[in-house]
Amino acid sequence: MRPSRVPIGLHLSRTARVISRAFDDALAAVGGSVPVWLVLLNLKIRRPANQRALAQAVGVREATLTHHLNAMETLGLVSRRRDPTNHRVQQVELTATGNALFLRLREAAADFDRTLRDGFAEADLETLELLLARLASNVGERDDGAPPWTGLADTPQTLSRVSKRPQGRRTGPA
């Protein structure tokens, strides 16, 4: 039996890939990537107490976060220091360079969001959010109160591309 419509999962997957690539390109145009954005965003808005809390907030494993932080520290975006009360715990802080990149990425993310919302009425956007939540619920995903960006940064290769791109130069999708 042939389906009369494209399966929702295929349509959603394709749309998500297109939007994800476009978002990463928008961030790359100002010198960042999705993983870098998520780390900087969490350092700004949550101020996690340590590296473990930051990994949890971003939605990646600690080893993956360590890889990202190593590259970000090399680029001068973050600094790490040992917690004076527990030397096994690392505190992560945003540097002035990291803050400047955060501001550029924040503007790029806001511009991208405005582009995505173009042509939608507020009621359409509310319906879209409900429909997406229902799709997630249909496959067993429960709203656990985690931020909407949780799990999006678990792609170490995108961070390594950041240091190889000249600032402001736009490159095609990876």
N, C-alpha and C. Protein backbone atom coordinates (compact mmCIF):
# COMPACT_ATOMS: atom_id res chain seq x y z
N MET A 1 0.83 -1.18 0.00
CA MET A 1 0.00 0.00 0.00
C MET A 1 0.88 1.25 0.00
N ARG A 2 0.68 2.13 -0.94
CA ARG A 2 1.48 3.35 -1.06
C ARG A 2 0.87 4.49 -0.26
N PRO A 3 1.68 5.14 0.56
CA PRO A 3 1.14 6.28 1.29
C PRO A 3 0.82 7.43 0.32
N SER A 4 -0.24 8.14 0.60
CA SER A 4 -0.62 9.26 -0.27
C SER A 4 0.15 10.53 0.07
N ARG A 5 0.79 10.55 1.21
CA ARG A 5 1.54 11.72 1.65
C ARG A 5 2.93 11.29 2.10
N VAL A 6 3.85 12.23 2.08
CA VAL A 6 5.19 11.98 2.61
C VAL A 6 5.04 11.73 4.11
N PRO A 7 5.67 10.68 4.64
CA PRO A 7 5.60 10.44 6.09
C PRO A 7 6.08 11.66 6.88
N ILE A 8 5.38 11.94 7.97
CA ILE A 8 5.68 13.11 8.80
C ILE A 8 7.14 13.09 9.26
N GLY A 9 7.62 11.92 9.67
CA GLY A 9 9.00 11.83 10.16
C GLY A 9 10.02 12.24 9.12
N LEU A 10 9.82 11.83 7.87
CA LEU A 10 10.75 12.22 6.80
C LEU A 10 10.68 13.71 6.53
N HIS A 11 9.48 14.23 6.49
CA HIS A 11 9.30 15.66 6.24
C HIS A 11 9.93 16.48 7.37
N LEU A 12 9.69 16.07 8.60
CA LEU A 12 10.23 16.77 9.76
C LEU A 12 11.76 16.67 9.79
N SER A 13 12.28 15.49 9.49
CA SER A 13 13.73 15.28 9.49
C SER A 13 14.42 16.17 8.46
N ARG A 14 13.86 16.22 7.25
CA ARG A 14 14.44 17.05 6.20
C ARG A 14 14.40 18.52 6.60
N THR A 15 13.26 18.98 7.11
CA THR A 15 13.11 20.37 7.52
C THR A 15 14.10 20.70 8.64
N ALA A 16 14.23 19.82 9.61
CA ALA A 16 15.16 20.04 10.72
C ALA A 16 16.60 20.14 10.21
N ARG A 17 16.97 19.29 9.27
CA ARG A 17 18.33 19.33 8.71
C ARG A 17 18.59 20.65 7.99
N VAL A 18 17.63 21.09 7.17
CA VAL A 18 17.78 22.33 6.42
C VAL A 18 17.93 23.51 7.39
N ILE A 19 17.07 23.57 8.39
CA ILE A 19 17.10 24.68 9.34
C ILE A 19 18.37 24.63 10.18
N SER A 20 18.76 23.44 10.61
CA SER A 20 19.98 23.29 11.42
C SER A 20 21.21 23.75 10.65
N ARG A 21 21.31 23.36 9.40
CA ARG A 21 22.46 23.80 8.58
C ARG A 21 22.46 25.31 8.39
N ALA A 22 21.27 25.86 8.13
CA ALA A 22 21.17 27.30 7.93
C ALA A 22 21.55 28.05 9.21
N PHE A 23 21.13 27.53 10.36
CA PHE A 23 21.46 28.17 11.64
C PHE A 23 22.96 28.10 11.88
N ASP A 24 23.57 26.95 11.66
CA ASP A 24 25.01 26.84 11.85
C ASP A 24 25.75 27.78 10.90
N ASP A 25 25.27 27.91 9.66
CA ASP A 25 25.88 28.84 8.71
C ASP A 25 25.76 30.29 9.20
N ALA A 26 24.58 30.64 9.76
CA ALA A 26 24.38 31.99 10.27
C ALA A 26 25.34 32.28 11.42
N LEU A 27 25.55 31.30 12.29
CA LEU A 27 26.49 31.48 13.40
C LEU A 27 27.93 31.49 12.90
N ALA A 28 28.24 30.65 11.91
CA ALA A 28 29.59 30.61 11.35
C ALA A 28 29.96 31.94 10.69
N ALA A 29 28.97 32.62 10.12
CA ALA A 29 29.23 33.89 9.46
C ALA A 29 29.76 34.95 10.42
N VAL A 30 29.51 34.78 11.71
CA VAL A 30 30.02 35.73 12.70
C VAL A 30 31.08 35.09 13.61
N GLY A 31 31.59 33.92 13.19
CA GLY A 31 32.72 33.31 13.89
C GLY A 31 32.37 32.24 14.91
N GLY A 32 31.18 31.64 14.84
CA GLY A 32 30.80 30.64 15.84
C GLY A 32 30.21 29.40 15.23
N SER A 33 29.56 28.62 16.08
CA SER A 33 28.87 27.39 15.70
C SER A 33 27.79 27.13 16.74
N VAL A 34 26.93 26.18 16.47
CA VAL A 34 25.88 25.86 17.44
C VAL A 34 26.47 25.42 18.78
N PRO A 35 27.44 24.49 18.82
CA PRO A 35 27.99 24.09 20.13
C PRO A 35 28.62 25.27 20.89
N VAL A 36 29.34 26.12 20.20
CA VAL A 36 29.95 27.28 20.86
C VAL A 36 28.85 28.19 21.39
N TRP A 37 27.82 28.43 20.59
CA TRP A 37 26.71 29.27 21.02
C TRP A 37 26.06 28.72 22.28
N LEU A 38 25.82 27.41 22.30
CA LEU A 38 25.14 26.82 23.45
C LEU A 38 25.98 26.90 24.72
N VAL A 39 27.27 26.71 24.60
CA VAL A 39 28.15 26.83 25.78
C VAL A 39 28.16 28.27 26.26
N LEU A 40 28.38 29.22 25.34
CA LEU A 40 28.43 30.63 25.74
C LEU A 40 27.09 31.08 26.32
N LEU A 41 25.99 30.66 25.70
CA LEU A 41 24.66 31.03 26.18
C LEU A 41 24.44 30.53 27.60
N ASN A 42 24.81 29.28 27.85
CA ASN A 42 24.63 28.73 29.19
C ASN A 42 25.53 29.41 30.21
N LEU A 43 26.74 29.77 29.81
CA LEU A 43 27.61 30.49 30.74
C LEU A 43 27.04 31.87 31.07
N LYS A 44 26.36 32.48 30.12
CA LYS A 44 25.78 33.80 30.35
C LYS A 44 24.50 33.73 31.18
N ILE A 45 23.57 32.85 30.81
CA ILE A 45 22.25 32.90 31.45
C ILE A 45 22.12 32.02 32.68
N ARG A 46 22.88 30.95 32.75
CA ARG A 46 22.75 30.03 33.89
C ARG A 46 23.89 30.15 34.87
N ARG A 47 25.05 30.49 34.37
CA ARG A 47 26.26 30.54 35.18
C ARG A 47 26.43 29.25 35.99
N PRO A 48 26.57 28.12 35.27
CA PRO A 48 26.71 26.84 35.98
C PRO A 48 27.88 26.88 36.94
N ALA A 49 27.72 26.17 38.04
CA ALA A 49 28.72 26.18 39.10
C ALA A 49 30.04 25.54 38.67
N ASN A 50 29.96 24.57 37.77
CA ASN A 50 31.18 23.86 37.38
C ASN A 50 30.99 23.20 36.01
N GLN A 51 32.04 22.53 35.56
CA GLN A 51 32.04 21.92 34.24
C GLN A 51 30.96 20.84 34.12
N ARG A 52 30.74 20.07 35.16
CA ARG A 52 29.71 19.02 35.15
C ARG A 52 28.31 19.64 34.97
N ALA A 53 28.04 20.70 35.71
CA ALA A 53 26.74 21.38 35.59
C ALA A 53 26.57 21.99 34.20
N LEU A 54 27.65 22.51 33.63
CA LEU A 54 27.60 23.08 32.29
C LEU A 54 27.28 22.00 31.26
N ALA A 55 27.92 20.84 31.37
CA ALA A 55 27.63 19.73 30.45
C ALA A 55 26.16 19.34 30.52
N GLN A 56 25.64 19.27 31.72
CA GLN A 56 24.23 18.91 31.91
C GLN A 56 23.32 19.98 31.30
N ALA A 57 23.65 21.25 31.51
CA ALA A 57 22.84 22.34 30.98
C ALA A 57 22.82 22.37 29.46
N VAL A 58 23.98 22.08 28.85
CA VAL A 58 24.07 22.09 27.39
C VAL A 58 23.47 20.81 26.80
N GLY A 59 23.48 19.73 27.58
CA GLY A 59 22.90 18.48 27.10
C GLY A 59 23.89 17.58 26.41
N VAL A 60 25.15 17.62 26.86
CA VAL A 60 26.19 16.76 26.29
C VAL A 60 26.89 16.00 27.41
N ARG A 61 27.64 14.98 27.00
CA ARG A 61 28.45 14.25 27.98
C ARG A 61 29.62 15.12 28.40
N GLU A 62 30.13 14.84 29.59
CA GLU A 62 31.26 15.64 30.09
C GLU A 62 32.48 15.54 29.17
N ALA A 63 32.73 14.36 28.61
CA ALA A 63 33.88 14.21 27.71
C ALA A 63 33.71 15.07 26.46
N THR A 64 32.50 15.14 25.95
CA THR A 64 32.23 15.98 24.77
C THR A 64 32.43 17.44 25.13
N LEU A 65 31.93 17.85 26.29
CA LEU A 65 32.10 19.23 26.71
C LEU A 65 33.58 19.55 26.89
N THR A 66 34.35 18.63 27.45
CA THR A 66 35.78 18.86 27.64
C THR A 66 36.45 19.14 26.30
N HIS A 67 36.08 18.37 25.28
CA HIS A 67 36.61 18.59 23.92
C HIS A 67 36.27 20.02 23.45
N HIS A 68 35.01 20.42 23.62
CA HIS A 68 34.58 21.76 23.21
C HIS A 68 35.34 22.83 24.01
N LEU A 69 35.43 22.64 25.32
CA LEU A 69 36.08 23.64 26.16
C LEU A 69 37.57 23.76 25.86
N ASN A 70 38.22 22.65 25.54
CA ASN A 70 39.64 22.71 25.16
C ASN A 70 39.83 23.64 23.97
N ALA A 71 39.00 23.46 22.94
CA ALA A 71 39.09 24.30 21.74
C ALA A 71 38.72 25.74 22.07
N MET A 72 37.68 25.93 22.87
CA MET A 72 37.24 27.28 23.20
C MET A 72 38.27 28.01 24.07
N GLU A 73 38.95 27.26 24.93
CA GLU A 73 40.00 27.86 25.76
C GLU A 73 41.18 28.27 24.88
N THR A 74 41.53 27.43 23.91
CA THR A 74 42.61 27.74 22.97
C THR A 74 42.29 29.01 22.19
N LEU A 75 41.02 29.21 21.85
CA LEU A 75 40.59 30.40 21.12
C LEU A 75 40.43 31.62 22.03
N GLY A 76 40.59 31.43 23.34
CA GLY A 76 40.48 32.53 24.29
C GLY A 76 39.05 32.91 24.64
N LEU A 77 38.10 32.00 24.40
CA LEU A 77 36.68 32.28 24.66
C LEU A 77 36.28 32.02 26.11
N VAL A 78 36.92 31.04 26.73
CA VAL A 78 36.63 30.67 28.12
C VAL A 78 37.94 30.45 28.86
N SER A 79 37.84 30.50 30.17
CA SER A 79 38.98 30.11 31.00
C SER A 79 38.45 29.09 32.01
N ARG A 80 39.35 28.21 32.43
CA ARG A 80 38.98 27.20 33.44
C ARG A 80 39.97 27.28 34.58
N ARG A 81 39.44 27.04 35.76
CA ARG A 81 40.30 26.98 36.93
C ARG A 81 39.74 25.94 37.90
N ARG A 82 40.61 25.43 38.71
CA ARG A 82 40.20 24.43 39.71
C ARG A 82 39.43 25.11 40.83
N ASP A 83 38.41 24.45 41.29
CA ASP A 83 37.64 24.93 42.44
C ASP A 83 38.56 24.84 43.65
N PRO A 84 38.73 25.92 44.40
CA PRO A 84 39.65 25.89 45.55
C PRO A 84 39.22 24.92 46.65
N THR A 85 37.93 24.61 46.73
CA THR A 85 37.46 23.70 47.77
C THR A 85 37.45 22.24 47.31
N ASN A 86 37.49 22.01 45.99
CA ASN A 86 37.50 20.64 45.46
C ASN A 86 38.29 20.66 44.16
N HIS A 87 39.54 20.23 44.21
CA HIS A 87 40.44 20.32 43.06
C HIS A 87 40.06 19.41 41.90
N ARG A 88 39.10 18.51 42.11
CA ARG A 88 38.63 17.68 41.00
C ARG A 88 37.60 18.41 40.14
N VAL A 89 37.09 19.52 40.64
CA VAL A 89 36.03 20.26 39.95
C VAL A 89 36.64 21.47 39.23
N GLN A 90 36.25 21.65 37.96
CA GLN A 90 36.72 22.80 37.20
C GLN A 90 35.61 23.83 37.06
N GLN A 91 35.96 25.08 37.31
CA GLN A 91 35.04 26.20 37.11
C GLN A 91 35.33 26.78 35.73
N VAL A 92 34.28 27.08 34.98
CA VAL A 92 34.42 27.62 33.63
C VAL A 92 33.87 29.04 33.63
N GLU A 93 34.65 29.95 33.06
CA GLU A 93 34.24 31.35 33.02
C GLU A 93 34.41 31.90 31.61
N LEU A 94 33.55 32.81 31.27
CA LEU A 94 33.59 33.51 30.00
C LEU A 94 34.69 34.56 30.05
N THR A 95 35.48 34.68 28.99
CA THR A 95 36.48 35.74 28.90
C THR A 95 35.87 36.94 28.17
N ALA A 96 36.60 38.02 28.11
CA ALA A 96 36.12 39.20 27.36
C ALA A 96 35.94 38.84 25.89
N THR A 97 36.85 38.04 25.34
CA THR A 97 36.73 37.60 23.95
C THR A 97 35.49 36.72 23.78
N GLY A 98 35.25 35.85 24.75
CA GLY A 98 34.06 35.00 24.71
C GLY A 98 32.79 35.81 24.81
N ASN A 99 32.81 36.84 25.64
CA ASN A 99 31.64 37.71 25.77
C ASN A 99 31.36 38.45 24.46
N ALA A 100 32.42 38.92 23.80
CA ALA A 100 32.24 39.62 22.52
C ALA A 100 31.65 38.66 21.47
N LEU A 101 32.13 37.42 21.45
CA LEU A 101 31.57 36.44 20.51
C LEU A 101 30.13 36.13 20.88
N PHE A 102 29.84 36.02 22.18
CA PHE A 102 28.46 35.79 22.61
C PHE A 102 27.54 36.86 22.05
N LEU A 103 27.94 38.11 22.13
CA LEU A 103 27.09 39.21 21.65
C LEU A 103 26.85 39.11 20.14
N ARG A 104 27.90 38.75 19.38
CA ARG A 104 27.72 38.58 17.92
C ARG A 104 26.81 37.40 17.62
N LEU A 105 27.00 36.29 18.36
CA LEU A 105 26.17 35.11 18.14
C LEU A 105 24.73 35.36 18.57
N ARG A 106 24.55 36.11 19.64
CA ARG A 106 23.19 36.44 20.10
C ARG A 106 22.44 37.21 19.02
N GLU A 107 23.10 38.17 18.40
CA GLU A 107 22.46 38.95 17.33
C GLU A 107 22.17 38.07 16.12
N ALA A 108 23.10 37.19 15.76
CA ALA A 108 22.87 36.28 14.64
C ALA A 108 21.72 35.32 14.92
N ALA A 109 21.65 34.82 16.16
CA ALA A 109 20.56 33.91 16.54
C ALA A 109 19.22 34.63 16.52
N ALA A 110 19.18 35.87 16.99
CA ALA A 110 17.94 36.65 16.98
C ALA A 110 17.50 36.95 15.54
N ASP A 111 18.45 37.31 14.69
CA ASP A 111 18.13 37.54 13.27
C ASP A 111 17.59 36.27 12.63
N PHE A 112 18.21 35.13 12.94
CA PHE A 112 17.78 33.86 12.37
C PHE A 112 16.36 33.53 12.84
N ASP A 113 16.09 33.77 14.11
CA ASP A 113 14.76 33.50 14.64
C ASP A 113 13.71 34.39 13.95
N ARG A 114 14.06 35.65 13.72
CA ARG A 114 13.12 36.55 13.02
C ARG A 114 12.86 36.03 11.61
N THR A 115 13.89 35.52 10.95
CA THR A 115 13.72 34.95 9.61
C THR A 115 12.78 33.76 9.65
N LEU A 116 12.97 32.88 10.62
CA LEU A 116 12.10 31.71 10.74
C LEU A 116 10.66 32.09 11.00
N ARG A 117 10.44 33.14 11.78
CA ARG A 117 9.08 33.55 12.16
C ARG A 117 8.38 34.37 11.08
N ASP A 118 9.11 34.78 10.06
CA ASP A 118 8.55 35.63 9.02
C ASP A 118 7.32 34.98 8.38
N GLY A 119 6.23 35.74 8.32
CA GLY A 119 5.01 35.27 7.68
C GLY A 119 4.09 34.45 8.56
N PHE A 120 4.47 34.22 9.80
CA PHE A 120 3.64 33.47 10.74
C PHE A 120 2.92 34.43 11.68
N ALA A 121 1.65 34.19 11.88
CA ALA A 121 0.90 34.91 12.91
C ALA A 121 1.26 34.29 14.26
N GLU A 122 1.06 35.04 15.33
CA GLU A 122 1.36 34.52 16.68
C GLU A 122 0.60 33.22 16.94
N ALA A 123 -0.65 33.16 16.51
CA ALA A 123 -1.45 31.94 16.70
C ALA A 123 -0.84 30.75 15.95
N ASP A 124 -0.28 31.02 14.77
CA ASP A 124 0.38 29.95 14.00
C ASP A 124 1.58 29.41 14.77
N LEU A 125 2.35 30.30 15.36
CA LEU A 125 3.53 29.89 16.12
C LEU A 125 3.15 29.08 17.35
N GLU A 126 2.09 29.50 18.03
CA GLU A 126 1.61 28.73 19.19
C GLU A 126 1.16 27.34 18.77
N THR A 127 0.46 27.26 17.64
CA THR A 127 0.01 25.96 17.13
C THR A 127 1.21 25.10 16.75
N LEU A 128 2.20 25.70 16.10
CA LEU A 128 3.41 24.97 15.72
C LEU A 128 4.09 24.38 16.95
N GLU A 129 4.23 25.16 18.01
CA GLU A 129 4.86 24.67 19.24
C GLU A 129 4.08 23.49 19.81
N LEU A 130 2.76 23.60 19.82
CA LEU A 130 1.93 22.50 20.33
C LEU A 130 2.07 21.24 19.47
N LEU A 131 2.09 21.43 18.16
CA LEU A 131 2.21 20.28 17.26
C LEU A 131 3.57 19.59 17.40
N LEU A 132 4.62 20.39 17.50
CA LEU A 132 5.95 19.80 17.69
C LEU A 132 6.04 19.06 19.01
N ALA A 133 5.47 19.64 20.07
CA ALA A 133 5.45 18.96 21.36
C ALA A 133 4.65 17.66 21.29
N ARG A 134 3.55 17.66 20.54
CA ARG A 134 2.75 16.45 20.40
C ARG A 134 3.53 15.36 19.65
N LEU A 135 4.25 15.76 18.59
CA LEU A 135 5.07 14.78 17.87
C LEU A 135 6.11 14.15 18.79
N ALA A 136 6.76 14.98 19.59
CA ALA A 136 7.76 14.46 20.54
C ALA A 136 7.10 13.53 21.54
N SER A 137 5.95 13.93 22.03
CA SER A 137 5.22 13.10 22.99
C SER A 137 4.79 11.77 22.37
N ASN A 138 4.42 11.80 21.10
CA ASN A 138 3.98 10.57 20.41
C ASN A 138 5.07 9.51 20.33
N VAL A 139 6.32 9.94 20.41
CA VAL A 139 7.43 8.97 20.37
C VAL A 139 8.05 8.77 21.75
N GLY A 140 7.35 9.24 22.78
CA GLY A 140 7.79 8.94 24.13
C GLY A 140 8.61 10.00 24.81
N GLU A 141 8.86 11.11 24.15
CA GLU A 141 9.63 12.19 24.76
C GLU A 141 8.73 12.97 25.70
N ARG A 142 9.14 13.10 26.93
CA ARG A 142 8.37 13.84 27.92
C ARG A 142 9.05 15.18 28.18
N ASP A 143 8.26 16.19 28.41
CA ASP A 143 8.80 17.49 28.77
C ASP A 143 9.32 17.40 30.20
N ASP A 144 10.63 17.31 30.35
CA ASP A 144 11.23 17.16 31.68
C ASP A 144 11.70 18.49 32.25
N GLY A 145 11.28 19.57 31.62
CA GLY A 145 11.68 20.89 32.09
C GLY A 145 13.05 21.32 31.59
N ALA A 146 13.70 20.48 30.78
CA ALA A 146 15.00 20.82 30.24
C ALA A 146 14.85 21.96 29.23
N PRO A 147 15.87 22.78 29.09
CA PRO A 147 15.76 23.87 28.13
C PRO A 147 15.65 23.32 26.71
N PRO A 148 15.06 24.08 25.81
CA PRO A 148 14.81 23.57 24.46
C PRO A 148 16.07 23.27 23.66
N TRP A 149 17.22 23.78 24.09
CA TRP A 149 18.44 23.52 23.33
C TRP A 149 19.18 22.27 23.80
N THR A 150 18.68 21.61 24.84
CA THR A 150 19.36 20.44 25.39
C THR A 150 19.59 19.40 24.30
N GLY A 151 20.83 18.93 24.23
CA GLY A 151 21.18 17.85 23.31
C GLY A 151 21.59 18.31 21.93
N LEU A 152 21.45 19.58 21.63
CA LEU A 152 21.76 20.05 20.29
C LEU A 152 23.26 20.22 20.04
N ALA A 153 24.06 20.27 21.07
CA ALA A 153 25.47 20.57 20.89
C ALA A 153 26.36 19.34 20.82
N ASP A 154 25.81 18.18 20.82
CA ASP A 154 26.61 16.96 20.87
C ASP A 154 27.20 16.62 19.51
N THR A 155 27.91 17.60 18.92
CA THR A 155 28.54 17.43 17.62
C THR A 155 29.94 18.03 17.66
N PRO A 156 30.94 17.30 18.15
CA PRO A 156 32.27 17.87 18.34
C PRO A 156 32.91 18.41 17.07
N GLN A 157 32.60 17.84 15.89
CA GLN A 157 33.24 18.29 14.67
C GLN A 157 32.88 19.73 14.32
N THR A 158 31.72 20.23 14.73
CA THR A 158 31.36 21.60 14.40
C THR A 158 32.21 22.60 15.16
N LEU A 159 32.65 22.26 16.36
CA LEU A 159 33.49 23.17 17.12
C LEU A 159 34.85 23.30 16.46
N SER A 160 35.40 22.22 15.95
CA SER A 160 36.72 22.28 15.32
C SER A 160 36.68 23.13 14.06
N ARG A 161 35.51 23.21 13.39
CA ARG A 161 35.39 24.03 12.19
C ARG A 161 35.47 25.51 12.53
N VAL A 162 35.06 25.90 13.74
CA VAL A 162 35.05 27.31 14.12
C VAL A 162 36.44 27.90 14.02
N SER A 163 37.43 27.22 14.55
CA SER A 163 38.78 27.77 14.58
C SER A 163 39.41 27.81 13.19
N LYS A 164 38.85 27.08 12.22
CA LYS A 164 39.43 27.03 10.87
C LYS A 164 38.80 28.06 9.94
N ARG A 165 37.68 28.68 10.33
CA ARG A 165 37.00 29.63 9.46
C ARG A 165 37.48 31.04 9.75
N PRO A 166 37.80 31.79 8.70
CA PRO A 166 38.10 33.20 8.93
C PRO A 166 36.85 33.90 9.44
N GLN A 167 37.02 34.81 10.37
CA GLN A 167 35.87 35.50 10.97
C GLN A 167 35.14 36.29 9.90
N GLY A 168 33.80 36.16 9.92
CA GLY A 168 32.97 36.90 9.00
C GLY A 168 32.80 36.27 7.64
N ARG A 169 33.56 35.23 7.35
CA ARG A 169 33.46 34.58 6.06
C ARG A 169 32.44 33.47 6.15
N ARG A 170 31.50 33.46 5.23
CA ARG A 170 30.44 32.46 5.23
C ARG A 170 30.88 31.29 4.37
N THR A 171 30.68 30.08 4.89
CA THR A 171 30.98 28.88 4.14
C THR A 171 29.71 28.07 3.99
N GLY A 172 29.72 27.13 3.09
CA GLY A 172 28.54 26.31 2.85
C GLY A 172 28.33 25.31 3.95
N PRO A 173 27.19 24.58 3.89
CA PRO A 173 26.89 23.59 4.91
C PRO A 173 27.92 22.47 4.94
N ALA A 174 28.14 21.94 6.11
CA ALA A 174 29.10 20.84 6.27
C ALA A 174 28.47 19.53 5.88
